[in-house]
Amino acid sequence: MKLDITKDDVVFSQRDNEKRPSGACGATSAVNALNISEIPYDFKTEGQPEDALMAFLDLKEGGWKKLKEVDPGATYNPWNTSAVISWAVNKMVGKNVVRVEKWTLQEMIFHLAKEQAAIVIGAGWTKSSHFVAIGGFETDQENILDIKKVADIDLKKLKSIRMIDSWGNYKTGYKDFDKTKGSIYNLDIATFKKVVFVDTKKTCQSYFKNLA
């Protein structure tokens, strides 16, 4: 069966962003995750919503202040870490809709199946690492949407992951892209695991339609 919550008509590209397009994968993936998770937000302003999110992440009293709290000795930017991106999304949405988790692949699939809401992850899709959103999967496991426990997810039957990539298509080395629209594609599970899982658990920005 296939689970696909992606929306082909609403997928943002970072390439046409006003604010640091080459570094805006985190902010753009966050907005793509909000869209496909059907979580309302109101920070479009005059431009694109991911530019508004990037602007907040780049504020001295916004993302930079939070980064110092999270990692006082950080030598990276606030838009490059899941902790600060998730915090900024929750602040701008006005309620908690995303939290940072460390999950196994089984836990990621369980979340997608039960919540039908997105996950954002950073991994070595590019030389400098890159955030993408995940909006589904394909599996030969029947009735996966009815499963009650993480342990019942059969990874041997998992075939592919549905990717929402704001930079373009990883499978073509990012030679295939639309400057005004992100790419949606299926990535075989062997490649996904090779790129994403250095350890058994992966840091995820996990989105929820109803998060207390």
Protein backbone atom coordinates (compact mmCIF):
# COMPACT_ATOMS: atom_id res chain seq x y z
CA MET A 1 0.00 0.00 0.00
CA LYS A 2 0.97 3.63 -0.42
CA LEU A 3 0.60 6.50 2.01
CA ASP A 4 0.97 9.87 0.32
CA ILE A 5 0.04 13.12 2.06
CA THR A 6 2.07 15.29 -0.32
CA LYS A 7 0.34 18.04 -2.27
CA ASP A 8 1.82 18.58 -5.70
CA ASP A 9 0.17 21.99 -6.10
CA VAL A 10 1.70 23.39 -2.88
CA VAL A 11 5.39 22.55 -2.60
CA PHE A 12 7.84 25.38 -2.12
CA SER A 13 11.31 25.66 -3.63
CA GLN A 14 14.09 27.35 -1.69
CA ARG A 15 15.77 28.42 -4.93
CA ASP A 16 13.44 31.40 -5.37
CA ASN A 17 13.66 32.59 -1.76
CA GLU A 18 14.71 36.14 -1.03
CA LYS A 19 16.65 35.31 2.12
CA ARG A 20 19.70 33.04 1.72
CA PRO A 21 18.15 30.64 -0.80
CA SER A 22 21.09 28.22 -0.71
CA GLY A 23 20.78 27.92 3.08
CA ALA A 24 17.00 28.00 3.43
CA CYS A 25 16.30 24.26 3.20
CA GLY A 26 15.33 24.07 6.87
CA ALA A 27 12.83 26.90 6.73
CA THR A 28 11.41 25.81 3.38
CA SER A 29 11.08 22.18 4.44
CA ALA A 30 9.28 23.36 7.59
CA VAL A 31 6.70 25.26 5.53
CA ASN A 32 6.29 22.28 3.19
CA ALA A 33 5.74 20.11 6.28
CA LEU A 34 3.08 22.48 7.63
CA ASN A 35 1.30 22.46 4.28
CA ILE A 36 1.17 18.71 3.77
CA SER A 37 0.25 18.14 7.42
CA GLU A 38 -2.65 20.56 6.96
CA ILE A 39 -1.54 22.67 9.92
CA PRO A 40 -2.79 26.27 9.62
CA TYR A 41 -0.26 29.09 9.88
CA ASP A 42 -0.39 32.81 9.29
CA PHE A 43 3.07 34.15 8.50
CA LYS A 44 3.03 34.58 4.74
CA THR A 45 3.45 38.37 5.03
CA GLU A 46 4.20 40.07 1.70
CA GLY A 47 6.49 37.36 0.39
CA GLN A 48 6.83 33.65 0.76
CA PRO A 49 6.22 32.07 4.18
CA GLU A 50 9.65 30.48 4.30
CA ASP A 51 11.23 33.93 3.94
CA ALA A 52 9.26 35.10 6.97
CA LEU A 53 10.47 32.07 8.92
CA MET A 54 14.07 32.65 7.82
CA ALA A 55 13.81 36.29 8.87
CA PHE A 56 12.72 35.23 12.37
CA LEU A 57 15.51 32.66 12.57
CA ASP A 58 17.99 35.40 11.69
CA LEU A 59 16.75 37.87 14.31
CA LYS A 60 19.13 38.69 17.17
CA GLU A 61 16.26 38.28 19.64
CA GLY A 62 14.81 35.37 17.68
CA GLY A 63 16.78 32.46 16.29
CA TRP A 64 20.20 33.70 17.39
CA LYS A 65 19.09 34.12 21.00
CA LYS A 66 17.53 30.66 21.02
CA LEU A 67 20.67 29.13 19.48
CA LYS A 68 22.76 30.52 22.35
CA GLU A 69 20.37 28.91 24.81
CA VAL A 70 20.43 25.56 23.01
CA ASP A 71 24.15 25.50 22.24
CA PRO A 72 26.16 28.38 23.76
CA GLY A 73 29.30 27.50 21.81
CA ALA A 74 27.58 27.00 18.45
CA THR A 75 29.60 27.92 15.35
CA TYR A 76 26.69 27.23 12.97
CA ASN A 77 23.58 29.22 12.07
CA PRO A 78 20.18 28.94 13.79
CA TRP A 79 18.52 27.85 10.54
CA ASN A 80 20.81 24.80 10.42
CA THR A 81 19.61 23.02 13.54
CA SER A 82 16.36 21.14 14.19
CA ALA A 83 16.05 22.44 17.75
CA VAL A 84 15.90 26.10 16.73
CA ILE A 85 13.87 25.56 13.56
CA SER A 86 11.20 23.64 15.49
CA TRP A 87 11.13 26.27 18.22
CA ALA A 88 10.72 29.03 15.61
CA VAL A 89 7.90 27.19 13.83
CA ASN A 90 5.99 26.74 17.09
CA LYS A 91 6.49 30.40 18.02
CA MET A 92 5.31 31.64 14.63
CA VAL A 93 2.35 29.26 14.36
CA GLY A 94 1.33 30.23 17.88
CA LYS A 95 1.12 26.74 19.33
CA ASN A 96 3.13 23.54 19.48
CA VAL A 97 2.86 21.69 16.17
CA VAL A 98 6.35 20.17 15.88
CA ARG A 99 8.81 18.64 18.28
CA VAL A 100 12.29 17.18 17.97
CA GLU A 101 12.53 13.41 18.36
CA LYS A 102 15.21 10.78 17.90
CA TRP A 103 13.52 7.97 16.05
CA THR A 104 14.27 4.65 14.42
CA LEU A 105 12.98 4.04 10.92
CA GLN A 106 10.16 1.98 12.43
CA GLU A 107 9.14 4.94 14.60
CA MET A 108 9.23 7.28 11.62
CA ILE A 109 6.94 5.03 9.60
CA PHE A 110 4.61 4.57 12.57
CA HIS A 111 4.32 8.35 12.97
CA LEU A 112 3.52 8.83 9.28
CA ALA A 113 0.93 6.06 9.37
CA LYS A 114 -0.82 7.10 12.59
CA GLU A 115 -0.55 10.91 12.47
CA GLN A 116 -0.52 11.36 8.69
CA ALA A 117 1.68 14.36 9.33
CA ALA A 118 5.15 15.18 8.03
CA ILE A 119 8.65 14.60 9.30
CA VAL A 120 11.62 16.84 8.46
CA ILE A 121 15.14 15.43 8.59
CA GLY A 122 18.61 16.69 7.79
CA ALA A 123 21.11 14.33 6.16
CA GLY A 124 23.84 14.09 3.57
CA TRP A 125 21.68 14.72 0.52
CA THR A 126 24.23 17.39 -0.44
CA LYS A 127 27.88 17.91 0.48
CA SER A 128 26.96 20.43 3.17
CA SER A 129 23.93 18.40 4.40
CA HIS A 130 20.36 19.33 3.60
CA PHE A 131 16.87 19.28 5.15
CA VAL A 132 13.99 17.53 3.37
CA ALA A 133 10.41 16.74 4.34
CA ILE A 134 8.88 13.28 4.28
CA GLY A 135 5.26 12.81 3.32
CA GLY A 136 4.64 9.12 2.91
CA PHE A 137 5.93 5.69 2.00
CA GLU A 138 5.19 2.56 -0.01
CA THR A 139 5.10 -0.87 1.59
CA ASP A 140 3.93 -4.40 0.83
CA GLN A 141 2.63 -4.64 4.40
CA GLU A 142 -1.16 -4.81 4.45
CA ASN A 143 -3.34 -2.81 6.85
CA ILE A 144 -0.37 -0.76 8.07
CA LEU A 145 -2.65 2.15 8.91
CA ASP A 146 -4.40 -0.04 11.50
CA ILE A 147 -1.22 -1.04 13.32
CA LYS A 148 -1.19 -0.18 17.02
CA LYS A 149 2.47 -0.71 17.93
CA VAL A 150 5.78 0.47 16.48
CA ALA A 151 7.15 -3.07 16.71
CA ASP A 152 4.51 -4.27 14.25
CA ILE A 153 5.98 -2.19 11.42
CA ASP A 154 7.66 -4.71 9.09
CA LEU A 155 10.70 -2.96 7.65
CA LYS A 156 11.41 -5.88 5.32
CA LYS A 157 8.27 -4.95 3.39
CA LEU A 158 9.07 -1.24 3.18
CA LYS A 159 9.86 -0.24 -0.42
CA SER A 160 10.28 3.53 -0.65
CA ILE A 161 9.92 6.91 1.07
CA ARG A 162 7.98 9.85 -0.36
CA MET A 163 10.27 12.89 -0.37
CA ILE A 164 9.48 16.62 -0.57
CA ASP A 165 12.75 18.28 -1.52
CA SER A 166 13.02 22.06 -1.77
CA TRP A 167 16.32 21.94 -3.68
CA GLY A 168 15.27 19.55 -6.45
CA ASN A 169 15.59 15.84 -7.16
CA TYR A 170 18.30 14.03 -5.21
CA LYS A 171 18.08 11.03 -7.56
CA THR A 172 19.44 13.14 -10.45
CA GLY A 173 22.14 14.81 -8.38
CA TYR A 174 19.89 17.90 -8.23
CA LYS A 175 20.28 18.46 -11.97
CA ASP A 176 16.49 18.15 -12.18
CA PHE A 177 14.76 21.07 -10.45
CA ASP A 178 12.18 23.80 -10.88
CA LYS A 179 13.33 27.12 -9.45
CA THR A 180 9.80 28.02 -8.36
CA LYS A 181 8.63 24.62 -7.14
CA GLY A 182 10.17 21.91 -4.98
CA SER A 183 10.39 18.29 -6.08
CA ILE A 184 8.33 15.33 -4.93
CA TYR A 185 9.73 11.88 -5.60
CA ASN A 186 9.96 8.35 -4.25
CA LEU A 187 13.33 7.19 -2.94
CA ASP A 188 14.04 3.48 -2.61
CA ILE A 189 14.45 2.37 0.97
CA ALA A 190 18.03 1.10 0.57
CA THR A 191 19.23 4.53 -0.59
CA PHE A 192 17.20 6.30 2.09
CA LYS A 193 18.72 4.20 4.86
CA LYS A 194 22.23 4.64 3.49
CA VAL A 195 21.98 8.44 3.42
CA VAL A 196 19.96 8.98 6.61
CA PHE A 197 20.96 6.41 9.18
CA VAL A 198 24.51 6.70 10.48
CA ASP A 199 23.16 5.41 13.82
CA THR A 200 20.03 3.42 14.62
CA LYS A 201 18.15 6.62 15.51
CA LYS A 202 17.76 9.83 13.53
CA THR A 203 16.92 13.35 14.73
CA CYS A 204 13.50 14.24 13.34
CA GLN A 205 11.33 17.32 13.34
CA SER A 206 8.03 15.55 13.85
CA TYR A 207 4.80 17.36 12.99
CA PHE A 208 1.43 16.78 14.68
CA LYS A 209 -2.03 18.01 13.76
CA ASN A 210 -2.98 18.00 17.46
CA LEU A 211 -0.05 18.32 19.81
CA ALA A 212 -0.71 19.14 23.47
